[in-house]
């Protein structure tokens, strides 16, 4: 589906400069979310953002169960969308497009939001914009401030850990990525080993506030490597073994603090390499950190200090937009719409969808499988 927006386009860039109002839908994991965002030039205004969390549904299992997640999305997507439209005081006639996450993620859940978006777009005669969930995270800092491209991005979440040069929407190059586990995954699995609740990351951060991590010497991965890649599997294994020996609540708190500091240190070390290289070729020095792990205060403070050390401004999304939400999907959809980048109605849900697809195919961080390249 496409629409002619040429009457509102800038003659030099082809970008639509009118105010664009977009409904965003997000169902890639365990949150059913809908949001209405208005983009005017470079300024984004969140008119509504509704998130239905499935934490209670998955807590007993210690992690997300894909079948339960998909069924919950089916039950909640219509009501969550209705609430988002009501809170925005908006009817469908006031929208310019509908944006929906089309991947990557748990494909059963992705299909729910994408199918709902397709149906709404067809019924209302609106353009459909299929959005990469990671691209939503990449632009999420623009929900809190007007941010000019290009910038260096650390995308750090439960499933992904990447350093990227972001030149604009749909124009991103991978600089480094995890070769095994993501930082958020390490947080969650170590938290589980410590007997903490789900989700593990916030629980581990809370426990770490009472700990002294200097008691434990955890491994530092990839020392001496010249690239900007990450690795957290060795840390995860070492922490898991130590967790089996913890006898008191203080032991557990000390280990939690050690883990949090070790993850922050590796993110800082590898980002520092990318910052130094980026500074050699870019006058606009902005370091953006996005994704669920960006909500961790210790990690945010550590990375902010690293950015300042290299003369970079630092920016992270408002806390509400670090974890999965639909406002970032609506914003990415609006930016795509401004460039005329709409989607066909037969666009498919993708369990894997790298931001830098060419690099993922030519130099994969993980061996590609039948679901495609991961990063």
Protein backbone atom coordinates (compact mmCIF):
# COMPACT_ATOMS: atom_id res chain seq x y z
CA UNK A 1 0.00 0.00 0.00
CA UNK A 2 1.23 3.50 -0.71
CA UNK A 3 -0.02 7.04 -0.68
CA UNK A 4 0.89 10.22 -2.54
CA UNK A 5 2.29 12.79 -0.12
CA UNK A 6 4.15 14.86 -2.71
CA UNK A 7 2.20 18.04 -1.97
CA UNK A 8 3.81 18.18 1.46
CA UNK A 9 7.32 17.09 0.49
CA UNK A 10 10.50 19.12 0.63
CA UNK A 11 11.68 19.70 -2.96
CA UNK A 12 15.34 19.03 -2.13
CA UNK A 13 15.02 15.89 -0.01
CA UNK A 14 11.66 14.40 -0.92
CA UNK A 15 10.89 14.19 2.81
CA UNK A 16 7.33 14.95 3.88
CA UNK A 17 7.49 18.04 6.09
CA UNK A 18 3.83 18.08 7.14
CA UNK A 19 2.82 16.88 10.60
CA UNK A 20 2.36 13.11 10.33
CA UNK A 21 0.26 11.22 12.87
CA UNK A 22 0.84 7.46 13.08
CA UNK A 23 -0.63 4.63 15.14
CA UNK A 24 2.09 2.18 16.18
CA UNK A 25 1.58 -1.46 17.23
CA UNK A 26 4.15 -3.60 19.06
CA UNK A 27 3.76 -7.34 19.82
CA UNK A 28 7.25 -8.79 19.33
CA UNK A 29 7.68 -10.33 22.79
CA UNK A 30 5.68 -10.10 26.02
CA UNK A 31 4.15 -6.61 25.83
CA UNK A 32 1.06 -5.74 23.83
CA UNK A 33 1.45 -2.04 23.05
CA UNK A 34 -0.17 0.69 20.99
CA UNK A 35 0.74 4.35 20.66
CA UNK A 36 -0.13 7.43 18.64
CA UNK A 37 2.80 9.70 17.75
CA UNK A 38 2.81 12.94 15.78
CA UNK A 39 6.01 13.86 13.93
CA UNK A 40 6.46 17.48 12.89
CA UNK A 41 9.78 18.06 11.20
CA UNK A 42 12.26 16.57 13.65
CA UNK A 43 10.02 16.87 16.72
CA UNK A 44 8.06 13.87 17.96
CA UNK A 45 5.03 14.24 20.22
CA UNK A 46 3.67 11.15 21.97
CA UNK A 47 -0.10 11.57 22.07
CA UNK A 48 -0.67 8.24 23.81
CA UNK A 49 1.28 5.15 24.83
CA UNK A 50 -0.47 2.08 26.23
CA UNK A 51 1.45 -1.06 27.24
CA UNK A 52 -0.12 -4.27 28.55
CA UNK A 53 2.61 -6.30 30.26
CA UNK A 54 2.45 -10.09 30.44
CA UNK A 55 4.87 -10.37 33.38
CA UNK A 56 2.30 -12.13 35.56
CA UNK A 57 1.51 -14.61 32.78
CA UNK A 58 5.14 -15.72 32.45
CA UNK A 59 6.46 -15.29 36.01
CA UNK A 60 5.77 -18.89 37.02
CA UNK A 61 7.94 -20.13 34.13
CA UNK A 62 10.90 -17.82 34.78
CA UNK A 63 10.82 -16.53 31.20
CA UNK A 64 8.63 -15.84 28.19
CA UNK A 65 6.59 -18.77 26.86
CA UNK A 66 5.95 -17.99 23.15
CA UNK A 67 2.54 -19.71 22.96
CA UNK A 68 1.25 -17.91 26.06
CA UNK A 69 2.59 -14.61 24.72
CA UNK A 70 0.89 -15.01 21.34
CA UNK A 71 -2.46 -15.92 22.90
CA UNK A 72 -2.29 -12.90 25.20
CA UNK A 73 -1.58 -10.62 22.23
CA UNK A 74 -4.66 -11.98 20.46
CA UNK A 75 -6.78 -11.27 23.55
CA UNK A 76 -5.42 -7.77 24.21
CA UNK A 77 -4.49 -6.10 20.90
CA UNK A 78 -7.93 -4.65 20.11
CA UNK A 79 -8.49 -3.23 23.62
CA UNK A 80 -4.97 -1.81 23.91
CA UNK A 81 -5.36 -0.12 20.53
CA UNK A 82 -8.77 1.26 21.49
CA UNK A 83 -7.29 2.75 24.67
CA UNK A 84 -4.38 4.33 22.77
CA UNK A 85 -6.74 5.95 20.28
CA UNK A 86 -9.01 7.18 23.08
CA UNK A 87 -6.13 8.63 25.11
CA UNK A 88 -4.91 10.45 22.00
CA UNK A 89 -8.47 11.71 21.47
CA UNK A 90 -8.06 10.49 17.94
CA UNK A 91 -10.22 8.77 15.35
CA UNK A 92 -8.79 6.78 12.48
CA UNK A 93 -9.63 9.69 10.17
CA UNK A 94 -6.97 11.69 11.99
CA UNK A 95 -4.20 9.19 11.19
CA UNK A 96 -1.78 9.32 8.27
CA UNK A 97 -0.67 5.69 8.56
CA UNK A 98 -0.53 2.58 10.72
CA UNK A 99 2.87 1.15 11.68
CA UNK A 100 3.35 -2.34 13.09
CA UNK A 101 6.35 -4.35 14.17
CA UNK A 102 7.08 -6.96 11.49
CA UNK A 103 10.11 -8.49 13.26
CA UNK A 104 12.42 -9.57 14.69
CA UNK A 105 10.84 -11.34 17.63
CA UNK A 106 8.65 -14.26 18.62
CA UNK A 107 6.99 -14.77 15.28
CA UNK A 108 3.63 -15.85 16.71
CA UNK A 109 3.36 -12.56 18.55
CA UNK A 110 4.71 -10.50 15.66
CA UNK A 111 2.00 -11.97 13.42
CA UNK A 112 -0.74 -10.77 15.78
CA UNK A 113 0.22 -7.10 15.73
CA UNK A 114 1.12 -7.10 12.04
CA UNK A 115 -2.16 -8.80 11.07
CA UNK A 116 -4.16 -6.36 13.18
CA UNK A 117 -2.29 -3.47 11.57
CA UNK A 118 -2.98 -4.82 8.09
CA UNK A 119 -6.67 -5.22 8.82
CA UNK A 120 -6.97 -1.71 10.25
CA UNK A 121 -5.05 -0.20 7.34
CA UNK A 122 -7.25 -1.98 4.79
CA UNK A 123 -10.47 -1.11 6.59
CA UNK A 124 -9.57 2.57 6.96
CA UNK A 125 -7.77 3.07 3.65
CA UNK A 126 -4.49 4.02 5.34
CA UNK A 127 -0.89 3.26 4.36
CA UNK A 128 0.78 0.40 6.22
CA UNK A 129 4.37 0.72 7.43
CA UNK A 130 6.13 -2.50 8.50
CA UNK A 131 8.77 -1.58 11.09
CA UNK A 132 11.88 -3.40 12.25
CA UNK A 133 11.60 -3.61 16.04
CA UNK A 134 15.32 -2.82 16.36
CA UNK A 135 14.89 0.28 14.21
CA UNK A 136 12.26 1.37 16.70
CA UNK A 137 14.82 1.11 19.50
CA UNK A 138 17.36 2.91 17.31
CA UNK A 139 15.14 6.01 17.01
CA UNK A 140 13.63 5.82 20.50
CA UNK A 141 15.90 8.53 21.91
CA UNK A 142 14.17 10.92 19.50
CA UNK A 143 11.01 10.52 21.58
CA UNK A 144 12.59 12.63 24.32
CA UNK A 145 14.58 15.17 22.32
CA UNK A 146 15.20 16.41 18.79
CA UNK A 147 18.18 14.38 17.69
CA UNK A 148 20.07 15.00 14.48
CA UNK A 149 21.53 12.17 12.40
CA UNK A 150 24.13 10.70 12.27
CA UNK A 151 25.01 9.24 15.66
CA UNK A 152 26.74 6.23 17.19
CA UNK A 153 24.27 3.80 18.76
CA UNK A 154 24.66 1.08 21.35
CA UNK A 155 21.53 -1.07 21.14
CA UNK A 156 21.50 -3.26 24.22
CA UNK A 157 18.51 -5.39 25.18
CA UNK A 158 17.44 -8.88 26.15
CA UNK A 159 18.00 -10.29 22.69
CA UNK A 160 20.47 -7.92 21.05
CA UNK A 161 23.73 -6.14 21.75
CA UNK A 162 25.07 -4.09 18.83
CA UNK A 163 27.06 -0.98 18.04
CA UNK A 164 25.81 0.80 14.92
CA UNK A 165 26.42 3.94 12.95
CA UNK A 166 22.96 5.45 12.41
CA UNK A 167 22.90 7.80 9.41
CA UNK A 168 19.12 7.91 9.17
CA UNK A 169 16.03 5.76 9.06
CA UNK A 170 16.81 2.59 7.10
CA UNK A 171 20.49 3.57 6.84
CA UNK A 172 22.51 1.89 9.58
CA UNK A 173 25.84 0.04 9.60
CA UNK A 174 26.90 -2.52 12.17
CA UNK A 175 30.22 -1.79 13.88
CA UNK A 176 30.13 -4.56 16.47
CA UNK A 177 27.78 -7.17 17.94
CA UNK A 178 27.70 -9.92 20.54
CA UNK A 179 29.17 -13.18 19.32
CA UNK A 180 27.06 -15.21 21.76
CA UNK A 181 24.66 -13.89 24.41
CA UNK A 182 23.13 -10.43 24.72
CA UNK A 183 23.72 -8.36 27.85
CA UNK A 184 20.05 -8.45 28.82
CA UNK A 185 19.99 -12.23 28.42
CA UNK A 186 22.99 -12.48 30.75
CA UNK A 187 21.18 -10.33 33.31
CA UNK A 188 18.05 -12.47 33.16
CA UNK A 189 19.77 -15.86 33.31
CA UNK A 190 22.13 -14.89 36.14
CA UNK A 191 19.16 -13.44 38.03
CA UNK A 192 17.39 -16.77 37.61
CA UNK A 193 20.46 -18.59 39.00
CA UNK A 194 20.28 -16.27 42.03
CA UNK A 195 16.65 -17.20 42.58
CA UNK A 196 15.31 -13.79 41.63
CA UNK A 197 11.94 -13.21 40.03
CA UNK A 198 11.06 -12.51 36.41
CA UNK A 199 12.01 -10.20 34.76
CA UNK A 200 15.49 -10.75 36.10
CA UNK A 201 17.28 -7.57 35.02
CA UNK A 202 15.39 -5.12 37.27
CA UNK A 203 15.45 -7.61 40.16
CA UNK A 204 19.22 -8.03 39.86
CA UNK A 205 19.73 -4.26 39.73
CA UNK A 206 17.70 -3.83 42.92
CA UNK A 207 19.68 -6.56 44.72
CA UNK A 208 23.01 -5.16 43.50
CA UNK A 209 22.30 -1.84 45.24
CA UNK A 210 22.97 -3.61 48.57
CA UNK A 211 26.09 -5.45 47.40
CA UNK A 212 29.87 -5.12 47.26
CA UNK A 213 30.98 -6.58 43.95
CA UNK A 214 34.68 -6.32 44.76
CA UNK A 215 34.42 -9.70 46.52
CA UNK A 216 34.21 -11.57 43.24
CA UNK A 217 36.62 -11.61 40.31
CA UNK A 218 34.60 -12.25 37.16
CA UNK A 219 36.21 -12.88 33.73
CA UNK A 220 36.74 -10.13 31.16
CA UNK A 221 35.98 -11.31 27.64
CA UNK A 222 37.71 -10.50 24.33
CA UNK A 223 40.63 -8.63 25.89
CA UNK A 224 43.19 -7.75 23.22
CA UNK A 225 40.76 -8.06 20.30
CA UNK A 226 40.84 -5.11 17.94
CA UNK A 227 37.16 -5.19 16.97
CA UNK A 228 34.08 -3.88 18.78
CA UNK A 229 32.31 -7.18 19.39
CA UNK A 230 30.92 -8.38 22.73
CA UNK A 231 30.75 -11.70 24.57
CA UNK A 232 28.81 -12.49 27.73
CA UNK A 233 28.70 -16.31 27.78
CA UNK A 234 31.86 -16.68 29.89
CA UNK A 235 30.59 -14.17 32.43
CA UNK A 236 27.25 -15.94 32.56
CA UNK A 237 28.87 -19.34 33.19
CA UNK A 238 31.23 -18.02 35.88
CA UNK A 239 28.44 -16.18 37.70
CA UNK A 240 26.19 -19.24 37.53
CA UNK A 241 28.87 -21.35 39.24
CA UNK A 242 29.45 -18.77 41.96
CA UNK A 243 25.70 -18.48 42.52
CA UNK A 244 25.61 -22.16 43.52
CA UNK A 245 27.99 -21.37 46.43
CA UNK A 246 26.11 -18.31 47.76
CA UNK A 247 24.76 -19.04 51.23
CA UNK A 248 23.49 -15.68 52.48
CA UNK A 249 21.48 -12.79 51.11
CA UNK A 250 24.63 -10.66 51.31
CA UNK A 251 26.53 -13.20 49.18
CA UNK A 252 23.83 -12.92 46.55
CA UNK A 253 23.81 -9.13 46.68
CA UNK A 254 27.60 -9.00 46.31
CA UNK A 255 27.48 -11.30 43.29
CA UNK A 256 24.67 -9.25 41.73
CA UNK A 257 26.77 -6.11 42.11
CA UNK A 258 29.81 -7.85 40.60
CA UNK A 259 27.75 -9.02 37.61
CA UNK A 260 26.24 -5.59 37.02
CA UNK A 261 29.68 -3.96 37.18
CA UNK A 262 31.19 -6.57 34.85
CA UNK A 263 28.48 -6.07 32.23
CA UNK A 264 28.81 -2.29 32.50
CA UNK A 265 32.59 -2.59 32.15
CA UNK A 266 32.42 -4.68 29.00
CA UNK A 267 29.82 -2.43 27.41
CA UNK A 268 32.05 0.53 28.21
CA UNK A 269 35.28 -1.13 27.01
CA UNK A 270 33.89 -2.17 23.63
CA UNK A 271 31.97 1.09 23.16
CA UNK A 272 35.15 3.01 23.88
CA UNK A 273 36.80 1.42 20.85
CA UNK A 274 33.84 2.38 18.67
CA UNK A 275 33.79 5.94 20.03
CA UNK A 276 37.46 6.44 19.24
CA UNK A 277 37.05 5.15 15.68
CA UNK A 278 33.84 7.12 15.10
CA UNK A 279 35.44 10.36 16.29
CA UNK A 280 38.09 10.10 13.57
CA UNK A 281 35.53 10.51 10.79
CA UNK A 282 32.61 12.43 12.33
CA UNK A 283 32.38 15.99 13.60
CA UNK A 284 28.91 15.44 15.11
CA UNK A 285 29.74 13.37 18.18
CA UNK A 286 26.65 11.91 19.78
CA UNK A 287 26.50 8.55 21.57
CA UNK A 288 22.99 7.11 21.96
CA UNK A 289 22.24 4.11 24.17
CA UNK A 290 18.86 2.41 23.67
CA UNK A 291 17.10 -0.83 24.56
CA UNK A 292 15.89 -2.33 27.81
CA UNK A 293 19.34 -2.50 29.42
CA UNK A 294 19.64 1.28 28.97
CA UNK A 295 17.16 1.55 31.86
CA UNK A 296 19.82 0.20 34.25
CA UNK A 297 21.12 3.22 36.16
CA UNK A 298 24.64 1.87 36.74
CA UNK A 299 25.09 1.00 33.08
CA UNK A 300 23.65 4.32 31.96
CA UNK A 301 26.02 6.26 34.26
CA UNK A 302 29.03 4.20 33.18
CA UNK A 303 28.35 4.74 29.49
CA UNK A 304 27.68 8.44 30.00
CA UNK A 305 31.10 8.80 31.61
CA UNK A 306 32.68 6.87 28.73
CA UNK A 307 31.05 9.18 26.19
CA UNK A 308 32.25 12.28 28.05
CA UNK A 309 35.78 10.90 28.15
CA UNK A 310 35.85 10.92 24.34
CA UNK A 311 34.11 14.26 23.91
CA UNK A 312 30.71 12.82 22.93
CA UNK A 313 27.32 14.06 23.98
CA UNK A 314 25.29 11.27 25.57
CA UNK A 315 21.60 10.51 25.11
CA UNK A 316 19.31 7.70 26.19
CA UNK A 317 15.53 7.45 25.76
CA UNK A 318 13.23 8.41 28.63
CA UNK A 319 12.88 5.41 30.93
CA UNK A 320 9.36 4.67 29.66
CA UNK A 321 10.72 4.14 26.13
CA UNK A 322 13.77 2.00 26.95
CA UNK A 323 11.84 -1.24 27.20
CA UNK A 324 9.49 -2.47 24.46
CA UNK A 325 6.79 0.06 23.60
CA UNK A 326 4.75 1.15 20.59
CA UNK A 327 5.73 4.84 20.63
CA UNK A 328 9.10 3.94 19.12
CA UNK A 329 7.34 1.87 16.43
CA UNK A 330 5.00 4.76 15.62
CA UNK A 331 7.96 7.16 15.39
CA UNK A 332 9.95 4.84 13.12
CA UNK A 333 6.80 4.43 11.02
CA UNK A 334 6.33 8.20 10.79
CA UNK A 335 9.95 8.71 9.73
CA UNK A 336 9.55 6.05 7.06
CA UNK A 337 6.28 7.55 5.91
CA UNK A 338 7.96 10.96 5.59
CA UNK A 339 10.33 9.35 3.07
CA UNK A 340 7.53 7.56 1.25
CA UNK A 341 8.63 4.16 2.56
CA UNK A 342 5.34 2.29 2.94
CA UNK A 343 4.75 -1.47 2.82
CA UNK A 344 2.75 -3.86 0.68
CA UNK A 345 -0.16 -5.55 2.37
CA UNK A 346 1.47 -8.97 1.87
CA UNK A 347 4.55 -8.06 3.96
CA UNK A 348 5.45 -11.03 6.20
CA UNK A 349 6.39 -11.38 9.86
CA UNK A 350 10.10 -12.10 10.34
CA UNK A 351 11.62 -13.87 13.39
CA UNK A 352 15.02 -12.46 12.34
CA UNK A 353 15.63 -9.10 10.70
CA UNK A 354 19.09 -7.50 11.01
CA UNK A 355 19.35 -3.71 10.84
CA UNK A 356 22.45 -4.00 8.66
CA UNK A 357 21.26 -6.86 6.49
CA UNK A 358 24.14 -6.71 4.02
CA UNK A 359 26.73 -7.00 6.81
CA UNK A 360 24.74 -9.73 8.53
CA UNK A 361 24.87 -11.83 5.36
CA UNK A 362 28.49 -11.12 4.41
CA UNK A 363 29.95 -11.18 7.94
CA UNK A 364 27.43 -12.82 10.29
CA UNK A 365 27.95 -12.54 14.04
CA UNK A 366 26.00 -15.82 14.35
CA UNK A 367 25.73 -18.63 11.81
CA UNK A 368 22.61 -17.94 9.70
CA UNK A 369 19.85 -20.51 10.11
CA UNK A 370 16.62 -21.21 8.29
CA UNK A 371 15.14 -18.12 9.98
CA UNK A 372 17.82 -15.93 8.39
CA UNK A 373 20.76 -13.92 9.65
CA UNK A 374 20.46 -12.70 13.24
CA UNK A 375 22.77 -9.67 13.31
